[in-house]
């Protein structure tokens, strides 16, 4: 959802790789692997110990980071 929002807000992601390096990407839905890779390369998602943990729950701190970095990225585009 965050990746689609960034593209919808016309953030220029053409120079950003969507390479997903999480070691558990085989547990992700196929249609989300590249979007998660994009967010990883933008520094929005870091995971833990090289894993994304797609079936895990987000903490308040993690969602706060996602929102903060997303807003900062959009602010840089102006």
N, C-alpha and C. Protein backbone atom coordinates (compact mmCIF):
# COMPACT_ATOMS: atom_id res chain seq x y z
N UNK A 1 0.82 -1.18 0.00
CA UNK A 1 0.00 0.00 0.00
C UNK A 1 0.88 1.26 0.00
N UNK A 2 1.95 1.26 0.76
CA UNK A 2 2.83 2.43 0.83
C UNK A 2 3.53 2.67 -0.51
N UNK A 3 3.98 1.61 -1.16
CA UNK A 3 4.63 1.76 -2.46
C UNK A 3 3.66 2.35 -3.48
N UNK A 4 2.42 1.87 -3.49
CA UNK A 4 1.41 2.40 -4.41
C UNK A 4 1.12 3.87 -4.11
N UNK A 5 1.10 4.22 -2.83
CA UNK A 5 0.87 5.61 -2.44
C UNK A 5 1.99 6.51 -2.96
N UNK A 6 3.24 6.07 -2.80
CA UNK A 6 4.37 6.87 -3.27
C UNK A 6 4.31 7.09 -4.78
N UNK A 7 3.99 6.04 -5.51
CA UNK A 7 3.87 6.16 -6.96
C UNK A 7 2.69 7.07 -7.31
N UNK A 8 1.57 6.92 -6.59
CA UNK A 8 0.40 7.77 -6.82
C UNK A 8 0.67 9.24 -6.53
N UNK A 9 1.56 9.49 -5.59
CA UNK A 9 1.93 10.87 -5.25
C UNK A 9 3.05 11.37 -6.17
N UNK A 10 3.35 10.57 -7.18
CA UNK A 10 4.31 10.90 -8.22
C UNK A 10 5.74 11.07 -7.71
N UNK A 11 6.10 10.29 -6.68
CA UNK A 11 7.49 10.25 -6.24
C UNK A 11 8.29 9.57 -7.34
N UNK A 12 9.36 10.19 -7.77
CA UNK A 12 10.18 9.63 -8.84
C UNK A 12 11.00 8.46 -8.30
N UNK A 13 10.57 7.26 -8.61
CA UNK A 13 11.26 6.06 -8.16
C UNK A 13 11.95 5.34 -9.33
N UNK A 14 12.07 6.04 -10.44
CA UNK A 14 12.66 5.41 -11.63
C UNK A 14 14.13 5.05 -11.44
N UNK A 15 14.82 5.75 -10.57
CA UNK A 15 16.25 5.48 -10.34
C UNK A 15 16.49 4.57 -9.15
N UNK A 16 15.40 4.08 -8.54
CA UNK A 16 15.52 3.24 -7.35
C UNK A 16 15.27 1.79 -7.73
N UNK A 17 16.14 0.92 -7.30
CA UNK A 17 15.99 -0.51 -7.56
C UNK A 17 14.81 -1.05 -6.76
N UNK A 18 14.15 -2.06 -7.29
CA UNK A 18 13.12 -2.74 -6.51
C UNK A 18 13.60 -4.14 -6.13
N UNK A 19 14.94 -4.29 -6.03
CA UNK A 19 15.55 -5.55 -5.67
C UNK A 19 15.26 -5.88 -4.20
N UNK A 20 14.55 -6.95 -3.98
CA UNK A 20 14.18 -7.39 -2.65
C UNK A 20 15.24 -8.37 -2.16
N UNK A 21 16.01 -7.98 -1.15
CA UNK A 21 17.08 -8.84 -0.65
C UNK A 21 16.71 -9.58 0.63
N UNK A 22 15.46 -9.48 1.07
CA UNK A 22 15.05 -10.20 2.27
C UNK A 22 15.16 -11.70 2.01
N UNK A 23 15.69 -12.43 2.96
CA UNK A 23 15.91 -13.87 2.78
C UNK A 23 14.62 -14.68 2.84
N UNK A 24 13.55 -14.09 3.31
CA UNK A 24 12.27 -14.81 3.39
C UNK A 24 11.28 -14.33 2.33
N UNK A 25 11.77 -13.80 1.21
CA UNK A 25 10.86 -13.29 0.19
C UNK A 25 10.02 -14.39 -0.44
N UNK A 26 10.45 -15.65 -0.31
CA UNK A 26 9.65 -16.76 -0.82
C UNK A 26 8.36 -16.95 -0.02
N UNK A 27 8.25 -16.31 1.14
CA UNK A 27 7.04 -16.37 1.96
C UNK A 27 6.09 -15.20 1.67
N UNK A 28 6.52 -14.27 0.83
CA UNK A 28 5.71 -13.10 0.49
C UNK A 28 4.79 -13.44 -0.68
N UNK A 29 3.66 -12.73 -0.74
CA UNK A 29 2.81 -12.87 -1.92
C UNK A 29 3.60 -12.40 -3.12
N UNK A 30 3.49 -13.11 -4.21
CA UNK A 30 4.28 -12.82 -5.41
C UNK A 30 4.09 -11.39 -5.90
N UNK A 31 2.87 -10.86 -5.77
CA UNK A 31 2.59 -9.51 -6.27
C UNK A 31 3.13 -8.41 -5.35
N UNK A 32 3.71 -8.77 -4.20
CA UNK A 32 4.24 -7.75 -3.29
C UNK A 32 5.77 -7.73 -3.21
N UNK A 33 6.43 -8.71 -3.80
CA UNK A 33 7.89 -8.84 -3.67
C UNK A 33 8.60 -7.58 -4.16
N UNK A 34 8.24 -7.08 -5.33
CA UNK A 34 8.92 -5.89 -5.87
C UNK A 34 8.58 -4.63 -5.08
N UNK A 35 7.33 -4.48 -4.66
CA UNK A 35 6.94 -3.30 -3.88
C UNK A 35 7.69 -3.27 -2.55
N UNK A 36 7.81 -4.42 -1.91
CA UNK A 36 8.56 -4.49 -0.65
C UNK A 36 10.03 -4.22 -0.91
N UNK A 37 10.56 -4.70 -2.04
CA UNK A 37 11.94 -4.41 -2.41
C UNK A 37 12.17 -2.92 -2.62
N UNK A 38 11.21 -2.25 -3.26
CA UNK A 38 11.31 -0.80 -3.47
C UNK A 38 11.37 -0.08 -2.13
N UNK A 39 10.47 -0.43 -1.21
CA UNK A 39 10.45 0.20 0.11
C UNK A 39 11.73 -0.11 0.88
N UNK A 40 12.27 -1.29 0.67
CA UNK A 40 13.54 -1.65 1.31
C UNK A 40 14.67 -0.75 0.77
N UNK A 41 14.72 -0.58 -0.53
CA UNK A 41 15.77 0.23 -1.14
C UNK A 41 15.63 1.71 -0.80
N UNK A 42 14.41 2.16 -0.55
CA UNK A 42 14.19 3.55 -0.15
C UNK A 42 14.49 3.78 1.33
N UNK A 43 14.74 2.71 2.08
CA UNK A 43 15.04 2.84 3.50
C UNK A 43 13.81 2.91 4.38
N UNK A 44 12.66 2.61 3.81
CA UNK A 44 11.42 2.64 4.59
C UNK A 44 11.28 1.36 5.40
N UNK A 45 11.69 0.23 4.82
CA UNK A 45 11.63 -1.06 5.51
C UNK A 45 13.04 -1.60 5.68
N UNK A 46 13.34 -2.10 6.86
CA UNK A 46 14.65 -2.68 7.11
C UNK A 46 14.59 -4.17 7.44
N UNK A 47 13.52 -4.60 8.04
CA UNK A 47 13.44 -5.98 8.48
C UNK A 47 14.33 -6.22 9.68
N UNK A 48 14.46 -7.49 10.03
CA UNK A 48 15.29 -7.89 11.17
C UNK A 48 16.13 -9.09 10.76
N UNK A 49 17.42 -8.98 10.95
CA UNK A 49 18.34 -10.08 10.63
C UNK A 49 18.17 -10.57 9.19
N UNK A 50 17.95 -9.64 8.27
CA UNK A 50 17.83 -9.98 6.86
C UNK A 50 16.48 -10.52 6.45
N UNK A 51 15.53 -10.55 7.39
CA UNK A 51 14.19 -11.08 7.10
C UNK A 51 13.15 -9.99 7.22
N UNK A 52 12.10 -10.13 6.42
CA UNK A 52 10.99 -9.20 6.44
C UNK A 52 9.89 -9.66 7.40
N UNK A 53 9.72 -10.97 7.55
CA UNK A 53 8.68 -11.56 8.38
C UNK A 53 7.29 -11.14 7.92
N UNK A 54 6.88 -11.58 6.73
CA UNK A 54 5.62 -11.14 6.14
C UNK A 54 4.37 -11.53 6.93
N UNK A 55 4.48 -12.49 7.80
CA UNK A 55 3.31 -12.91 8.59
C UNK A 55 3.31 -12.30 9.99
N UNK A 56 4.31 -11.45 10.27
CA UNK A 56 4.43 -10.83 11.59
C UNK A 56 3.54 -9.59 11.70
N UNK A 57 3.49 -9.04 12.86
CA UNK A 57 2.74 -7.81 13.13
C UNK A 57 3.70 -6.64 13.26
N UNK A 58 3.26 -5.46 12.84
CA UNK A 58 4.05 -4.25 13.00
C UNK A 58 3.86 -3.68 14.40
N UNK A 59 4.93 -3.14 14.95
CA UNK A 59 4.83 -2.43 16.21
C UNK A 59 4.44 -0.98 15.92
N UNK A 60 4.08 -0.25 16.94
CA UNK A 60 3.79 1.18 16.76
C UNK A 60 5.03 1.91 16.27
N UNK A 61 6.19 1.53 16.77
CA UNK A 61 7.44 2.18 16.35
C UNK A 61 7.71 1.92 14.87
N UNK A 62 7.45 0.71 14.41
CA UNK A 62 7.69 0.38 13.00
C UNK A 62 6.76 1.16 12.07
N UNK A 63 5.49 1.23 12.42
CA UNK A 63 4.56 1.98 11.57
C UNK A 63 4.88 3.47 11.62
N UNK A 64 5.33 3.95 12.75
CA UNK A 64 5.73 5.35 12.86
C UNK A 64 6.90 5.65 11.94
N UNK A 65 7.87 4.74 11.88
CA UNK A 65 9.02 4.92 10.99
C UNK A 65 8.57 4.91 9.53
N UNK A 66 7.70 3.99 9.17
CA UNK A 66 7.21 3.91 7.79
C UNK A 66 6.55 5.22 7.39
N UNK A 67 5.68 5.73 8.25
CA UNK A 67 4.98 6.99 7.94
C UNK A 67 5.94 8.17 7.89
N UNK A 68 6.86 8.24 8.85
CA UNK A 68 7.80 9.35 8.91
C UNK A 68 8.71 9.40 7.69
N UNK A 69 9.30 8.27 7.33
CA UNK A 69 10.21 8.24 6.18
C UNK A 69 9.44 8.51 4.89
N UNK A 70 8.22 7.99 4.78
CA UNK A 70 7.40 8.24 3.60
C UNK A 70 7.12 9.73 3.44
N UNK A 71 6.73 10.38 4.52
CA UNK A 71 6.46 11.82 4.48
C UNK A 71 7.72 12.60 4.14
N UNK A 72 8.85 12.19 4.70
CA UNK A 72 10.11 12.86 4.42
C UNK A 72 10.48 12.73 2.95
N UNK A 73 10.30 11.56 2.37
CA UNK A 73 10.60 11.35 0.96
C UNK A 73 9.73 12.23 0.07
N UNK A 74 8.46 12.33 0.42
CA UNK A 74 7.55 13.17 -0.37
C UNK A 74 7.92 14.63 -0.23
N UNK A 75 8.39 15.05 0.95
CA UNK A 75 8.81 16.42 1.17
C UNK A 75 10.05 16.79 0.38
N UNK A 76 10.93 15.83 0.15
CA UNK A 76 12.14 16.07 -0.62
C UNK A 76 11.84 16.32 -2.10
N UNK A 77 10.71 15.82 -2.57
CA UNK A 77 10.34 15.94 -3.98
C UNK A 77 9.88 17.35 -4.33
N UNK A 78 9.49 18.12 -3.34
CA UNK A 78 8.96 19.46 -3.62
C UNK A 78 10.03 20.45 -3.93
